[in-house]
Structures are given as structure tokens and as C-alpha cells.
Amino acid sequence: MEERARNAPSGDPVGPRTTDIPEPEDYGYGRAAATAQGGEVVAYGPSMEGGRMIVPLTVKNRGDERASYKVTVTVKGKNDPSMTKTASAKVTGLFKNTTWPTQVDVTGVGVKDVRDLVVTLKVTKTINRWQ
């Protein structure tokens, strides 16, 4: 450790600015569009990224044991419910009090303006009892 410190360049030390476990709102996805599983799963408003329509998600295990989640996201047009797209994401072995960011791709829903979409969630949570 002493040798490493001696050989390090001058200036401010490099390291994480915070060691806190991020909360869902710390990811900067904006306003929640839907929540499920007692607030453990949050879907945020769809956005366009690189020509793809993406729905960002955060999953926070508020339980006392590791858990896995299967999240099914459905987006529908507000004015035309026939314009529907469903996509799923899996989060496996999430430790308690930990937040995991992920996203689903709902490109092809047929709606051009993301403000014309309604987002719904279906979540299956499984407790992982590792031996």
C-alpha cells in the first residue's frame, strides 16, 4: 500500500464519490410510468435511444433474502390500444436492499410519440434459497 501511494500521480485520489447503494431515483430515468411488486419494480417513461424505443426499469429487492425477478412490460397506444408491444427482462439473485437498473426494447409498437404510450408491468418474484 505504501509503495502504491508513493508511486501514484499527484492530485486528488481517484475513488467512488459515494459508497452508498443507489436508490432507484439515483439513476436519473425521470418520472415513473408504472410500479409493481409493492414499489420494488419501477418502469420509467419510454424514450428513443439510437433509433430504438426503450423502457428503463429499476428493480430494488426490499425483502430479507436474495430474489430473482421476471418483469414483463407492456406498452400500448393511448388512442389505439391495438398498437401494443410486450417485452421481458430478468434480474437474477438480487441481494436485499440492492437496486438493479435494466431496460426493455419495445421498438415496433407503432407509436411515434413516446408520450402516447401507456406502460403496465407484470412481475414474478422468486426467493433464492441458495444452499
N, C-alpha and C. Protein backbone atom coordinates (compact mmCIF):
# COMPACT_ATOMS: atom_id res chain seq x y z
N MET A 1 0.82 -1.18 0.00
CA MET A 1 0.00 0.00 0.00
C MET A 1 0.87 1.25 0.00
N GLU A 2 1.93 1.25 0.81
CA GLU A 2 2.80 2.42 0.88
C GLU A 2 3.50 2.67 -0.45
N GLU A 3 3.96 1.59 -1.09
CA GLU A 3 4.63 1.75 -2.39
C GLU A 3 3.65 2.27 -3.43
N ARG A 4 2.47 1.75 -3.41
CA ARG A 4 1.46 2.21 -4.36
C ARG A 4 1.16 3.70 -4.16
N ALA A 5 1.04 4.13 -2.92
CA ALA A 5 0.78 5.53 -2.63
C ALA A 5 1.96 6.40 -3.07
N ARG A 6 3.19 5.91 -2.87
CA ARG A 6 4.38 6.66 -3.27
C ARG A 6 4.44 6.84 -4.78
N ASN A 7 4.04 5.82 -5.54
CA ASN A 7 4.14 5.84 -6.99
C ASN A 7 2.92 6.46 -7.69
N ALA A 8 1.91 6.78 -6.92
CA ALA A 8 0.68 7.35 -7.51
C ALA A 8 0.95 8.78 -7.97
N PRO A 9 0.30 9.19 -9.07
CA PRO A 9 0.47 10.57 -9.52
C PRO A 9 -0.12 11.54 -8.50
N SER A 10 0.39 12.77 -8.54
CA SER A 10 -0.13 13.77 -7.61
C SER A 10 -1.54 14.16 -8.01
N GLY A 11 -2.24 14.80 -7.12
CA GLY A 11 -3.61 15.23 -7.40
C GLY A 11 -4.57 14.55 -6.45
N ASP A 12 -5.84 14.76 -6.73
CA ASP A 12 -6.87 14.18 -5.88
C ASP A 12 -6.93 12.67 -6.08
N PRO A 13 -7.14 11.93 -5.01
CA PRO A 13 -7.25 10.47 -5.16
C PRO A 13 -8.49 10.11 -5.98
N VAL A 14 -8.35 9.04 -6.74
CA VAL A 14 -9.46 8.56 -7.54
C VAL A 14 -10.20 7.50 -6.74
N GLY A 15 -11.49 7.63 -6.70
CA GLY A 15 -12.29 6.66 -5.98
C GLY A 15 -13.75 7.03 -6.12
N PRO A 16 -14.60 6.17 -5.67
CA PRO A 16 -16.02 6.50 -5.78
C PRO A 16 -16.36 7.73 -4.96
N ARG A 17 -17.22 8.55 -5.49
CA ARG A 17 -17.64 9.76 -4.78
C ARG A 17 -18.59 9.40 -3.64
N THR A 18 -19.26 8.29 -3.79
CA THR A 18 -20.15 7.83 -2.74
C THR A 18 -20.08 6.31 -2.70
N THR A 19 -20.23 5.76 -1.54
CA THR A 19 -20.23 4.31 -1.42
C THR A 19 -21.63 3.80 -1.07
N ASP A 20 -22.60 4.70 -1.13
CA ASP A 20 -23.98 4.30 -0.86
C ASP A 20 -24.48 3.38 -1.95
N ILE A 21 -25.41 2.51 -1.61
CA ILE A 21 -26.09 1.70 -2.61
C ILE A 21 -27.12 2.59 -3.29
N PRO A 22 -27.09 2.70 -4.63
CA PRO A 22 -28.01 3.62 -5.30
C PRO A 22 -29.47 3.25 -5.07
N GLU A 23 -30.29 4.27 -4.97
CA GLU A 23 -31.73 4.11 -4.91
C GLU A 23 -32.25 4.18 -6.35
N PRO A 24 -33.47 3.71 -6.61
CA PRO A 24 -33.98 3.77 -7.97
C PRO A 24 -33.93 5.17 -8.59
N GLU A 25 -34.24 6.20 -7.81
CA GLU A 25 -34.25 7.56 -8.35
C GLU A 25 -32.85 8.09 -8.67
N ASP A 26 -31.81 7.43 -8.18
CA ASP A 26 -30.44 7.87 -8.42
C ASP A 26 -29.98 7.62 -9.86
N TYR A 27 -30.72 6.84 -10.63
CA TYR A 27 -30.31 6.52 -11.99
C TYR A 27 -30.71 7.58 -13.00
N GLY A 28 -31.54 8.53 -12.60
CA GLY A 28 -31.88 9.65 -13.47
C GLY A 28 -32.77 9.32 -14.64
N TYR A 29 -33.62 8.32 -14.50
CA TYR A 29 -34.51 7.93 -15.60
C TYR A 29 -35.73 8.83 -15.71
N GLY A 30 -35.95 9.70 -14.76
CA GLY A 30 -37.10 10.60 -14.83
C GLY A 30 -38.29 10.09 -14.05
N ARG A 31 -39.46 10.46 -14.56
CA ARG A 31 -40.72 10.16 -13.89
C ARG A 31 -41.12 8.70 -14.09
N ALA A 32 -41.63 8.11 -13.02
CA ALA A 32 -42.11 6.72 -13.10
C ALA A 32 -43.37 6.65 -13.95
N ALA A 33 -43.43 5.66 -14.82
CA ALA A 33 -44.61 5.44 -15.66
C ALA A 33 -45.49 4.34 -15.07
N ALA A 34 -44.88 3.42 -14.32
CA ALA A 34 -45.64 2.32 -13.69
C ALA A 34 -44.78 1.72 -12.59
N THR A 35 -45.45 1.18 -11.56
CA THR A 35 -44.75 0.47 -10.49
C THR A 35 -45.47 -0.85 -10.24
N ALA A 36 -44.73 -1.80 -9.66
CA ALA A 36 -45.31 -3.11 -9.34
C ALA A 36 -44.54 -3.71 -8.18
N GLN A 37 -45.05 -4.81 -7.66
CA GLN A 37 -44.43 -5.56 -6.58
C GLN A 37 -44.19 -4.66 -5.37
N GLY A 38 -45.20 -3.88 -5.02
CA GLY A 38 -45.10 -3.01 -3.85
C GLY A 38 -44.06 -1.92 -3.99
N GLY A 39 -43.79 -1.49 -5.20
CA GLY A 39 -42.80 -0.45 -5.45
C GLY A 39 -41.39 -0.96 -5.70
N GLU A 40 -41.20 -2.27 -5.66
CA GLU A 40 -39.87 -2.82 -5.93
C GLU A 40 -39.46 -2.65 -7.38
N VAL A 41 -40.41 -2.70 -8.28
CA VAL A 41 -40.12 -2.58 -9.71
C VAL A 41 -40.75 -1.28 -10.22
N VAL A 42 -39.91 -0.47 -10.88
CA VAL A 42 -40.38 0.80 -11.42
C VAL A 42 -40.01 0.85 -12.90
N ALA A 43 -41.01 1.16 -13.74
CA ALA A 43 -40.78 1.42 -15.16
C ALA A 43 -40.87 2.92 -15.36
N TYR A 44 -39.97 3.44 -16.15
CA TYR A 44 -39.93 4.87 -16.42
C TYR A 44 -40.45 5.13 -17.83
N GLY A 45 -40.75 6.37 -18.11
CA GLY A 45 -41.30 6.72 -19.42
C GLY A 45 -40.41 6.26 -20.55
N PRO A 46 -41.01 5.72 -21.62
CA PRO A 46 -40.23 5.27 -22.77
C PRO A 46 -39.45 6.43 -23.38
N SER A 47 -38.31 6.09 -23.98
CA SER A 47 -37.50 7.10 -24.66
C SER A 47 -36.87 6.48 -25.90
N MET A 48 -36.50 7.32 -26.82
CA MET A 48 -35.82 6.87 -28.03
C MET A 48 -34.32 6.93 -27.80
N GLU A 49 -33.64 5.82 -28.07
CA GLU A 49 -32.18 5.74 -27.95
C GLU A 49 -31.63 5.02 -29.16
N GLY A 50 -30.90 5.74 -29.97
CA GLY A 50 -30.28 5.12 -31.14
C GLY A 50 -31.29 4.48 -32.08
N GLY A 51 -32.45 5.11 -32.25
CA GLY A 51 -33.47 4.57 -33.13
C GLY A 51 -34.31 3.47 -32.52
N ARG A 52 -34.07 3.14 -31.27
CA ARG A 52 -34.84 2.10 -30.57
C ARG A 52 -35.69 2.74 -29.51
N MET A 53 -36.88 2.19 -29.26
CA MET A 53 -37.73 2.67 -28.18
C MET A 53 -37.45 1.82 -26.95
N ILE A 54 -36.98 2.46 -25.89
CA ILE A 54 -36.52 1.77 -24.69
C ILE A 54 -37.38 2.18 -23.49
N VAL A 55 -37.69 1.21 -22.63
CA VAL A 55 -38.34 1.49 -21.35
C VAL A 55 -37.32 1.13 -20.26
N PRO A 56 -36.76 2.13 -19.57
CA PRO A 56 -35.83 1.86 -18.47
C PRO A 56 -36.59 1.29 -17.26
N LEU A 57 -35.93 0.43 -16.51
CA LEU A 57 -36.50 -0.20 -15.32
C LEU A 57 -35.49 -0.16 -14.19
N THR A 58 -35.99 -0.09 -12.97
CA THR A 58 -35.16 -0.37 -11.81
C THR A 58 -35.89 -1.42 -10.98
N VAL A 59 -35.11 -2.33 -10.42
CA VAL A 59 -35.64 -3.37 -9.55
C VAL A 59 -34.89 -3.26 -8.23
N LYS A 60 -35.61 -3.05 -7.14
CA LYS A 60 -34.99 -2.97 -5.81
C LYS A 60 -35.58 -4.06 -4.93
N ASN A 61 -34.72 -4.95 -4.49
CA ASN A 61 -35.16 -6.03 -3.61
C ASN A 61 -35.32 -5.48 -2.20
N ARG A 62 -36.55 -5.30 -1.77
CA ARG A 62 -36.83 -4.78 -0.43
C ARG A 62 -37.05 -5.91 0.58
N GLY A 63 -36.89 -7.15 0.12
CA GLY A 63 -37.07 -8.29 1.01
C GLY A 63 -35.83 -8.58 1.84
N ASP A 64 -35.90 -9.64 2.63
CA ASP A 64 -34.79 -10.01 3.51
C ASP A 64 -33.87 -11.07 2.91
N GLU A 65 -34.23 -11.61 1.74
CA GLU A 65 -33.43 -12.66 1.12
C GLU A 65 -33.17 -12.31 -0.34
N ARG A 66 -32.14 -12.94 -0.92
CA ARG A 66 -31.87 -12.74 -2.34
C ARG A 66 -33.10 -13.17 -3.14
N ALA A 67 -33.32 -12.47 -4.26
CA ALA A 67 -34.51 -12.77 -5.06
C ALA A 67 -34.21 -12.58 -6.54
N SER A 68 -35.00 -13.26 -7.34
CA SER A 68 -34.96 -13.09 -8.80
C SER A 68 -36.30 -12.57 -9.25
N TYR A 69 -36.28 -11.79 -10.32
CA TYR A 69 -37.48 -11.15 -10.83
C TYR A 69 -37.60 -11.39 -12.33
N LYS A 70 -38.81 -11.66 -12.77
CA LYS A 70 -39.12 -11.62 -14.19
C LYS A 70 -40.13 -10.49 -14.36
N VAL A 71 -39.76 -9.51 -15.17
CA VAL A 71 -40.58 -8.32 -15.37
C VAL A 71 -41.06 -8.32 -16.81
N THR A 72 -42.38 -8.30 -16.99
CA THR A 72 -42.97 -8.20 -18.31
C THR A 72 -43.56 -6.81 -18.45
N VAL A 73 -43.08 -6.08 -19.44
CA VAL A 73 -43.51 -4.71 -19.70
C VAL A 73 -44.40 -4.71 -20.93
N THR A 74 -45.57 -4.10 -20.81
CA THR A 74 -46.47 -3.93 -21.96
C THR A 74 -46.67 -2.45 -22.19
N VAL A 75 -46.48 -2.02 -23.43
CA VAL A 75 -46.77 -0.63 -23.80
C VAL A 75 -47.90 -0.66 -24.82
N LYS A 76 -48.85 0.26 -24.64
CA LYS A 76 -50.00 0.37 -25.53
C LYS A 76 -50.18 1.81 -25.92
N GLY A 77 -50.69 2.02 -27.11
CA GLY A 77 -51.03 3.37 -27.54
C GLY A 77 -52.23 3.88 -26.75
N LYS A 78 -52.16 5.13 -26.27
CA LYS A 78 -53.29 5.71 -25.52
C LYS A 78 -54.54 5.77 -26.38
N ASN A 79 -54.38 6.17 -27.62
CA ASN A 79 -55.52 6.35 -28.51
C ASN A 79 -55.83 5.12 -29.36
N ASP A 80 -54.91 4.18 -29.42
CA ASP A 80 -55.11 2.98 -30.22
C ASP A 80 -54.50 1.79 -29.50
N PRO A 81 -55.28 1.13 -28.62
CA PRO A 81 -54.76 0.00 -27.84
C PRO A 81 -54.30 -1.18 -28.70
N SER A 82 -54.66 -1.21 -29.99
CA SER A 82 -54.18 -2.29 -30.84
C SER A 82 -52.68 -2.16 -31.10
N MET A 83 -52.15 -0.96 -30.88
CA MET A 83 -50.70 -0.76 -31.01
C MET A 83 -50.08 -1.14 -29.67
N THR A 84 -49.67 -2.40 -29.58
CA THR A 84 -49.18 -2.96 -28.32
C THR A 84 -47.88 -3.71 -28.57
N LYS A 85 -46.99 -3.63 -27.60
CA LYS A 85 -45.73 -4.37 -27.64
C LYS A 85 -45.41 -4.84 -26.23
N THR A 86 -44.97 -6.08 -26.11
CA THR A 86 -44.60 -6.66 -24.83
C THR A 86 -43.15 -7.12 -24.89
N ALA A 87 -42.41 -6.87 -23.82
CA ALA A 87 -41.02 -7.32 -23.72
C ALA A 87 -40.75 -7.69 -22.26
N SER A 88 -39.77 -8.55 -22.05
CA SER A 88 -39.46 -9.02 -20.69
C SER A 88 -37.99 -8.82 -20.36
N ALA A 89 -37.74 -8.71 -19.06
CA ALA A 89 -36.37 -8.64 -18.53
C ALA A 89 -36.30 -9.53 -17.31
N LYS A 90 -35.12 -10.10 -17.07
CA LYS A 90 -34.90 -10.92 -15.87
C LYS A 90 -33.77 -10.32 -15.07
N VAL A 91 -33.96 -10.33 -13.76
CA VAL A 91 -32.92 -9.94 -12.81
C VAL A 91 -32.78 -11.12 -11.87
N THR A 92 -31.58 -11.68 -11.79
CA THR A 92 -31.37 -12.91 -11.05
C THR A 92 -30.46 -12.70 -9.84
N GLY A 93 -30.88 -13.24 -8.70
CA GLY A 93 -30.04 -13.27 -7.50
C GLY A 93 -29.74 -11.91 -6.90
N LEU A 94 -30.73 -11.02 -6.89
CA LEU A 94 -30.53 -9.67 -6.38
C LEU A 94 -30.48 -9.68 -4.85
N PHE A 95 -29.41 -9.15 -4.29
CA PHE A 95 -29.27 -9.09 -2.85
C PHE A 95 -30.29 -8.14 -2.25
N LYS A 96 -30.62 -8.35 -0.97
CA LYS A 96 -31.58 -7.46 -0.30
C LYS A 96 -31.05 -6.03 -0.30
N ASN A 97 -31.97 -5.08 -0.41
CA ASN A 97 -31.69 -3.65 -0.41
C ASN A 97 -30.79 -3.18 -1.55
N THR A 98 -30.72 -3.97 -2.61
CA THR A 98 -29.91 -3.62 -3.77
C THR A 98 -30.82 -3.26 -4.94
N THR A 99 -30.44 -2.23 -5.69
CA THR A 99 -31.19 -1.81 -6.87
C THR A 99 -30.42 -2.21 -8.12
N TRP A 100 -31.15 -2.76 -9.10
CA TRP A 100 -30.54 -3.16 -10.36
C TRP A 100 -31.23 -2.41 -11.49
N PRO A 101 -30.49 -1.64 -12.29
CA PRO A 101 -31.09 -0.98 -13.45
C PRO A 101 -31.05 -1.90 -14.67
N THR A 102 -32.07 -1.84 -15.47
CA THR A 102 -32.11 -2.61 -16.71
C THR A 102 -33.06 -1.89 -17.66
N GLN A 103 -33.35 -2.48 -18.79
CA GLN A 103 -34.26 -1.88 -19.76
C GLN A 103 -34.83 -2.95 -20.67
N VAL A 104 -35.94 -2.61 -21.31
CA VAL A 104 -36.51 -3.48 -22.33
C VAL A 104 -36.67 -2.66 -23.61
N ASP A 105 -36.58 -3.34 -24.73
CA ASP A 105 -36.72 -2.72 -26.04
C ASP A 105 -38.14 -2.97 -26.54
N VAL A 106 -38.89 -1.91 -26.76
CA VAL A 106 -40.27 -2.04 -27.24
C VAL A 106 -40.42 -1.41 -28.63
N THR A 107 -39.32 -1.39 -29.37
CA THR A 107 -39.37 -0.88 -30.73
C THR A 107 -40.40 -1.69 -31.52
N GLY A 108 -41.14 -1.02 -32.34
CA GLY A 108 -42.13 -1.70 -33.17
C GLY A 108 -43.54 -1.61 -32.63
N VAL A 109 -43.73 -0.86 -31.56
CA VAL A 109 -45.07 -0.71 -31.00
C VAL A 109 -45.98 0.03 -31.99
N GLY A 110 -45.40 0.82 -32.87
CA GLY A 110 -46.20 1.51 -33.88
C GLY A 110 -46.57 2.93 -33.51
N VAL A 111 -46.20 3.38 -32.34
CA VAL A 111 -46.49 4.75 -31.91
C VAL A 111 -45.21 5.55 -32.01
N LYS A 112 -45.27 6.68 -32.67
CA LYS A 112 -44.07 7.50 -32.90
C LYS A 112 -43.73 8.39 -31.70
N ASP A 113 -44.74 8.90 -31.00
CA ASP A 113 -44.52 9.81 -29.89
C ASP A 113 -44.62 9.03 -28.58
N VAL A 114 -43.51 8.99 -27.83
CA VAL A 114 -43.48 8.20 -26.59
C VAL A 114 -44.50 8.69 -25.57
N ARG A 115 -44.96 9.93 -25.71
CA ARG A 115 -45.97 10.46 -24.78
C ARG A 115 -47.34 9.84 -25.03
N ASP A 116 -47.50 9.14 -26.15
CA ASP A 116 -48.77 8.50 -26.48
C ASP A 116 -48.82 7.03 -26.05
N LEU A 117 -47.95 6.65 -25.13
CA LEU A 117 -47.88 5.26 -24.67
C LEU A 117 -48.28 5.12 -23.21
N VAL A 118 -48.93 4.02 -22.90
CA VAL A 118 -49.26 3.65 -21.53
C VAL A 118 -48.44 2.41 -21.20
N VAL A 119 -47.77 2.43 -20.05
CA VAL A 119 -46.88 1.34 -19.64
C VAL A 119 -47.52 0.58 -18.49
N THR A 120 -47.54 -0.76 -18.59
CA THR A 120 -48.01 -1.61 -17.49
C THR A 120 -46.95 -2.68 -17.22
N LEU A 121 -46.97 -3.19 -16.00
CA LEU A 121 -45.98 -4.19 -15.57
C LEU A 121 -46.65 -5.42 -14.99
N LYS A 122 -46.01 -6.55 -15.21
CA LYS A 122 -46.37 -7.80 -14.54
C LYS A 122 -45.05 -8.36 -14.02
N VAL A 123 -45.01 -8.67 -12.71
CA VAL A 123 -43.76 -9.09 -12.09
C VAL A 123 -43.95 -10.42 -11.38
N THR A 124 -42.99 -11.31 -11.57
CA THR A 124 -42.91 -12.55 -10.82
C THR A 124 -41.63 -12.50 -10.01
N LYS A 125 -41.75 -12.61 -8.69
CA LYS A 125 -40.59 -12.59 -7.80
C LYS A 125 -40.42 -13.97 -7.19
N THR A 126 -39.18 -14.45 -7.23
CA THR A 126 -38.85 -15.75 -6.67
C THR A 126 -37.74 -15.56 -5.64
N ILE A 127 -37.94 -16.08 -4.44
CA ILE A 127 -36.90 -16.02 -3.41
C ILE A 127 -35.86 -17.08 -3.72
N ASN A 128 -34.58 -16.68 -3.67
CA ASN A 128 -33.47 -17.61 -3.93
C ASN A 128 -32.94 -18.13 -2.61
N ARG A 129 -33.15 -19.37 -2.36
CA ARG A 129 -32.61 -20.02 -1.16
C ARG A 129 -31.43 -20.86 -1.59
N TRP A 130 -30.26 -20.23 -1.62
CA TRP A 130 -29.05 -20.90 -2.05
C TRP A 130 -28.55 -21.82 -0.95
N GLN A 131 -28.09 -22.96 -1.35
CA GLN A 131 -27.55 -23.95 -0.40
C GLN A 131 -26.12 -23.61 -0.05
